[in-house]
Protein backbone atom coordinates (compact mmCIF):
# COMPACT_ATOMS: atom_id res chain seq x y z
CA MET A 1 5.19 -27.25 -31.99
CA THR A 2 8.25 -27.37 -29.94
CA ASP A 3 8.10 -26.18 -26.17
CA LEU A 4 9.71 -23.08 -27.28
CA GLU A 5 7.12 -22.20 -29.77
CA ARG A 6 4.46 -22.85 -27.54
CA TYR A 7 5.97 -20.74 -25.06
CA MET A 8 6.29 -17.94 -27.57
CA SER A 9 2.68 -18.17 -28.77
CA GLN A 10 1.30 -17.21 -25.33
CA ASP A 11 -1.62 -14.64 -25.75
CA ALA A 12 -0.67 -11.98 -23.69
CA ARG A 13 3.14 -12.20 -24.51
CA GLU A 14 3.17 -9.72 -27.18
CA GLU A 15 1.29 -7.05 -25.12
CA GLN A 16 3.51 -7.81 -22.15
CA ILE A 17 6.50 -7.12 -24.26
CA ARG A 18 5.07 -3.79 -25.24
CA GLN A 19 4.21 -2.84 -21.52
CA VAL A 20 7.80 -3.58 -20.74
CA ARG A 21 9.09 -1.11 -23.23
CA ALA A 22 6.76 1.30 -22.00
CA ARG A 23 7.94 0.90 -18.33
CA ILE A 24 11.61 1.06 -19.82
CA ASN A 25 10.66 4.50 -21.41
CA GLU A 26 8.73 5.88 -18.38
CA THR A 27 11.56 4.88 -15.71
CA GLY A 28 14.71 5.78 -17.53
CA VAL A 29 16.30 2.01 -17.21
CA THR A 30 19.16 1.59 -19.62
CA TYR A 31 20.40 -2.01 -18.80
CA ILE A 32 18.66 -5.21 -17.77
CA TYR A 33 19.80 -8.37 -16.29
CA TYR A 34 18.25 -11.30 -17.97
CA GLN A 35 18.61 -14.20 -15.14
CA TYR A 36 17.80 -17.64 -14.38
CA VAL A 37 18.25 -19.82 -11.31
CA SER A 38 21.08 -22.34 -10.88
CA ILE A 39 20.45 -25.95 -8.99
CA THR A 40 21.50 -24.52 -5.78
CA GLY A 41 19.42 -21.20 -5.85
CA ARG A 42 22.14 -18.89 -7.19
CA ILE A 43 21.15 -15.92 -9.55
CA MET A 44 22.87 -16.29 -12.87
CA GLY A 45 22.78 -14.98 -16.28
CA LYS A 46 23.64 -12.00 -18.64
CA GLY A 47 23.18 -8.49 -18.98
CA ALA A 48 22.25 -6.18 -22.11
CA PRO A 49 21.23 -2.62 -22.64
CA ALA A 50 17.68 -2.12 -22.74
CA ASP A 51 17.84 -0.82 -26.37
CA HIS A 52 17.68 -4.36 -27.34
CA TRP A 53 14.73 -5.62 -25.12
CA GLU A 54 12.57 -6.50 -28.10
CA ALA A 55 15.21 -8.68 -29.69
CA MET A 56 16.08 -10.47 -26.55
CA ALA A 57 12.31 -11.03 -25.79
CA LYS A 58 11.83 -12.37 -29.18
CA LYS A 59 15.01 -14.14 -29.96
CA GLY A 60 16.16 -15.08 -26.44
CA VAL A 61 19.46 -14.75 -24.55
CA GLN A 62 22.29 -17.32 -25.48
CA THR A 63 23.63 -18.71 -22.28
CA TRP A 64 25.88 -21.79 -21.04
CA ILE A 65 24.57 -24.84 -19.37
CA GLY A 66 27.44 -24.43 -16.70
CA GLY A 67 25.32 -21.47 -15.45
CA LEU A 68 23.03 -24.00 -14.01
CA THR A 69 25.64 -25.50 -11.94
CA ASN A 70 27.49 -22.50 -10.76
CA VAL A 71 30.23 -23.01 -13.39
CA LEU A 72 32.04 -25.12 -10.62
CA PRO A 73 34.02 -28.20 -10.91
CA ASP A 74 33.73 -31.50 -9.01
CA ARG A 75 36.64 -32.63 -6.80
CA SER A 76 38.52 -34.13 -9.73
CA GLY A 77 38.31 -30.72 -11.53
CA LYS A 78 36.02 -31.90 -14.20
CA LEU A 79 32.93 -29.40 -14.80
CA ILE A 80 29.69 -30.65 -13.03
CA GLY A 81 26.79 -31.72 -15.28
CA PHE A 82 28.41 -31.02 -18.72
CA GLY A 83 31.29 -31.26 -20.99
CA PRO A 84 33.33 -28.89 -23.06
CA ASN A 85 31.36 -29.42 -26.07
CA THR A 86 27.82 -29.25 -24.78
CA HIS A 87 25.43 -27.22 -26.72
CA GLU A 88 24.38 -23.94 -25.24
CA LEU A 89 21.02 -22.82 -24.02
CA LEU A 90 18.38 -20.13 -24.67
CA ALA A 91 17.19 -18.02 -21.96
CA MET A 92 14.00 -16.81 -22.89
CA PRO A 93 12.56 -13.74 -20.60
CA ASP A 94 9.16 -13.79 -18.75
CA PRO A 95 7.94 -9.98 -19.32
CA ASP A 96 5.71 -10.07 -16.29
CA THR A 97 8.76 -10.34 -14.04
CA PHE A 98 10.30 -7.10 -15.34
CA CYS A 99 11.45 -5.15 -12.36
CA GLN A 100 13.45 -1.87 -11.71
CA LEU A 101 16.27 -2.32 -9.29
CA PRO A 102 15.56 0.41 -6.42
CA TRP A 103 19.24 0.57 -5.52
CA GLU A 104 20.19 1.43 -9.24
CA LYS A 105 17.43 2.66 -11.24
CA ARG A 106 19.08 2.61 -14.64
CA THR A 107 18.99 -1.29 -14.27
CA ALA A 108 16.29 -3.69 -14.18
CA ARG A 109 15.82 -7.44 -14.03
CA VAL A 110 13.77 -9.98 -15.64
CA PHE A 111 13.57 -13.68 -14.90
CA CYS A 112 14.24 -16.14 -17.60
CA THR A 113 12.73 -19.74 -18.59
CA LEU A 114 15.60 -22.02 -20.25
CA PHE A 115 15.41 -23.98 -23.28
CA HIS A 116 17.40 -25.88 -25.61
CA MET A 117 18.78 -23.98 -28.62
CA ARG A 118 16.55 -23.89 -31.62
CA GLU A 119 19.27 -25.98 -33.56
CA ASP A 120 20.05 -28.57 -30.77
CA PRO A 121 20.55 -32.04 -32.64
CA LYS A 122 18.46 -33.97 -29.73
CA ASN A 123 15.69 -31.65 -28.38
CA PRO A 124 15.55 -28.59 -30.43
CA GLY A 125 13.50 -26.07 -28.41
CA GLY A 126 12.71 -28.08 -25.89
CA TYR A 127 12.45 -27.20 -22.06
CA MET A 128 15.79 -27.47 -20.16
CA THR A 129 14.87 -29.88 -17.31
CA GLY A 130 17.63 -28.78 -15.30
CA ASP A 131 16.11 -25.43 -15.05
CA SER A 132 14.39 -25.60 -11.49
CA ARG A 133 12.23 -22.41 -12.04
CA GLY A 134 10.84 -23.69 -15.04
CA ASN A 135 10.09 -26.84 -13.61
CA LEU A 136 8.21 -25.18 -10.79
CA ARG A 137 6.09 -23.33 -13.36
CA ARG A 138 5.35 -26.52 -15.26
CA ALA A 139 4.50 -28.65 -12.17
CA HIS A 140 2.34 -25.60 -10.86
CA GLU A 141 0.45 -25.44 -13.93
CA LYS A 142 -0.26 -29.13 -14.06
CA PHE A 143 -1.33 -28.88 -10.36
CA GLY A 144 -3.95 -26.35 -11.78
CA ARG A 145 -5.22 -28.59 -14.56
CA ASP A 146 -5.32 -31.64 -12.33
CA HIS A 147 -7.28 -29.68 -9.66
CA ASP A 148 -9.88 -27.75 -11.47
CA GLY A 149 -8.00 -24.47 -11.42
CA LEU A 150 -6.65 -24.50 -7.85
CA GLN A 151 -3.44 -22.83 -7.17
CA MET A 152 -0.83 -24.17 -4.86
CA ARG A 153 -0.37 -21.20 -2.25
CA HIS A 154 3.10 -21.18 -0.57
CA GLY A 155 4.62 -19.04 2.04
CA CYS A 156 8.05 -19.28 3.28
CA GLU A 157 10.15 -17.75 6.36
CA PRO A 158 13.68 -17.36 5.43
CA GLU A 159 16.38 -17.07 8.13
CA MET A 160 19.69 -15.73 7.49
CA MET A 161 22.58 -13.98 9.55
CA TRP A 162 24.14 -10.64 9.09
CA LEU A 163 27.66 -10.81 10.02
CA HIS A 164 30.68 -8.44 10.47
CA ARG A 165 33.17 -8.58 7.60
CA GLY A 166 36.97 -9.03 8.86
CA GLU A 167 39.93 -7.58 7.43
CA ASP A 168 40.59 -10.75 5.35
CA GLY A 169 37.05 -10.53 3.98
CA GLY A 170 35.77 -13.61 5.97
CA ILE A 171 33.29 -13.85 8.76
CA ALA A 172 34.06 -12.06 11.91
CA GLY A 173 31.14 -12.66 14.23
CA GLY A 174 28.02 -11.01 14.34
CA PRO A 175 26.91 -7.60 15.15
CA THR A 176 24.19 -8.97 17.96
CA LYS A 177 23.97 -11.39 20.65
CA PRO A 178 22.20 -14.77 19.90
CA LEU A 179 18.79 -13.69 21.77
CA ALA A 180 15.90 -14.70 20.06
CA TYR A 181 12.82 -12.21 20.02
CA HIS A 182 14.49 -9.73 22.19
CA ILE A 183 13.57 -6.13 20.56
CA ASP A 184 16.84 -4.56 21.78
CA GLN A 185 18.93 -7.01 19.48
CA PHE A 186 16.35 -6.46 16.88
CA GLU A 187 16.84 -2.73 17.21
CA GLU A 188 20.52 -2.86 16.92
CA LEU A 189 20.16 -4.11 13.17
CA ALA A 190 17.42 -1.69 12.33
CA PRO A 191 19.27 0.38 9.64
CA VAL A 192 19.98 -2.87 8.06
CA TYR A 193 16.47 -4.38 8.04
CA LEU A 194 14.67 -1.27 7.19
CA LYS A 195 16.83 -0.84 3.99
CA VAL A 196 15.98 -4.55 3.14
CA ILE A 197 12.25 -3.61 3.64
CA ASP A 198 12.39 -0.66 1.46
CA TYR A 199 14.06 -2.22 -1.35
CA ALA A 200 11.71 -5.40 -1.10
CA ARG A 201 8.48 -3.10 -1.05
CA ALA A 202 9.87 -1.34 -4.29
CA MET A 203 10.25 -4.76 -5.94
CA GLY A 204 6.72 -5.90 -4.97
CA LEU A 205 7.32 -7.92 -1.75
CA ASP A 206 4.53 -7.26 0.56
CA MET A 207 6.52 -7.36 3.86
CA ILE A 208 4.97 -8.71 7.27
CA GLN A 209 6.35 -9.68 10.52
CA GLY A 210 10.09 -10.13 11.37
CA ASP A 211 11.99 -10.84 14.41
CA HIS A 212 15.76 -11.63 15.80
CA GLU A 213 16.27 -15.14 16.04
CA ASP A 214 18.62 -17.16 18.31
CA ALA A 215 22.03 -16.75 16.57
CA PRO A 216 24.43 -13.88 16.01
CA GLY A 217 22.88 -11.43 13.77
CA GLN A 218 20.17 -13.92 12.71
CA LEU A 219 17.05 -12.27 11.56
CA GLU A 220 13.88 -13.65 10.13
CA LEU A 221 11.75 -10.87 7.79
CA ASN A 222 8.82 -12.46 6.35
CA PHE A 223 6.53 -11.49 3.13
CA MET A 224 3.10 -12.35 2.31
CA PHE A 225 2.30 -15.76 0.53
CA ASP A 226 1.26 -16.17 -2.99
CA ASP A 227 1.31 -18.97 -5.68
CA ALA A 228 4.37 -21.12 -5.58
CA LEU A 229 6.32 -19.64 -8.41
CA ARG A 230 5.85 -16.04 -7.31
CA THR A 231 6.82 -16.88 -3.78
CA ALA A 232 9.99 -18.67 -4.97
CA ASP A 233 10.69 -15.68 -7.34
CA ARG A 234 10.21 -13.40 -4.33
CA LEU A 235 12.61 -15.64 -2.07
CA THR A 236 15.29 -15.28 -4.74
CA THR A 237 14.84 -11.57 -5.01
CA TYR A 238 14.91 -11.27 -1.06
CA ARG A 239 18.38 -12.97 -1.30
CA GLN A 240 19.66 -10.66 -3.92
CA ILE A 241 18.25 -7.47 -1.91
CA CYS A 242 20.27 -9.07 1.17
CA ARG A 243 23.46 -9.36 -0.66
CA ARG A 244 23.05 -5.74 -1.78
CA VAL A 245 22.24 -4.34 1.60
CA ALA A 246 25.27 -6.28 2.94
CA ARG A 247 27.58 -4.27 0.60
CA GLU A 248 26.12 -1.05 1.66
CA PHE A 249 26.84 -1.80 5.07
CA ASN A 250 30.21 -3.89 4.65
CA LEU A 251 28.67 -6.82 6.09
CA ILE A 252 28.41 -10.48 5.05
CA ALA A 253 24.61 -11.73 4.13
CA CYS A 254 24.93 -15.29 5.06
CA PHE A 255 22.19 -17.79 4.28
CA MET A 256 24.54 -21.03 5.02
CA THR A 257 22.70 -23.64 7.07
CA LYS A 258 25.17 -23.88 9.65
CA PRO A 259 27.92 -21.21 9.81
CA PHE A 260 28.50 -21.56 13.65
CA MET A 261 28.81 -24.86 15.71
CA LYS A 262 26.93 -24.60 18.90
CA MET A 263 24.75 -22.07 17.48
CA SER A 264 21.07 -22.28 15.81
CA ALA A 265 21.26 -22.87 12.23
CA ASN A 266 19.39 -20.81 9.54
CA GLY A 267 16.25 -22.46 8.19
CA CYS A 268 13.56 -21.60 6.06
CA HIS A 269 10.01 -23.07 6.95
CA HIS A 270 7.80 -23.54 3.93
CA ASN A 271 3.93 -23.44 4.26
CA ILE A 272 1.97 -24.93 1.50
């Protein structure tokens, strides 16, 4: 059997596909994002009407290897990691990650695992080793096999900055002063972080503590730890939520490591 065939033969998959259809009918979702994660953590993928859920779940979504490298060129202008005639990939949705978007309830998202196409001449139906999320899933499964069913539990502490958007669309400073742990500064961003928390809870994140950090507009909002893959999916989801909230408030949600000199950087502690 190929990797794809083994993936498709999981005992619970058919029932999970039916459960997703029931949720689509119950919630009124009409459109689904089939998304995966690039090598730099960006959300990539395609969208399709929910009417085609069963076909997508069984056949997969044809996508481009360039999605894994953000479809960006190197300094010489050549696309990173692949050539113009490289075979495409297959994104297979993981039904247990299906989730309605709280800000647009007609739309849902589902994470996908990437495979080489069934007709690929070199590795038909094989795992795409550039798929960081798929790699994490397999590494975690191996960890469980090697350690008598133990799980790798993982928590993270994402820092990011909420910044004003200038007339040119670029960064125009932060809405708060760089004063760590000051409730007054935290309170100035209350409409923003409360909206983030509302959306996060609706998408299954158990939000816990948060604070203002020591850079302009810098917040850290934490959520409960879980196994490694769930935490990684939730961190990606958290970033999507922040981008959405930033658009609603005409702000920039900045996860850059060092957007300002002489100011604290954005970090992300990982506790394993």
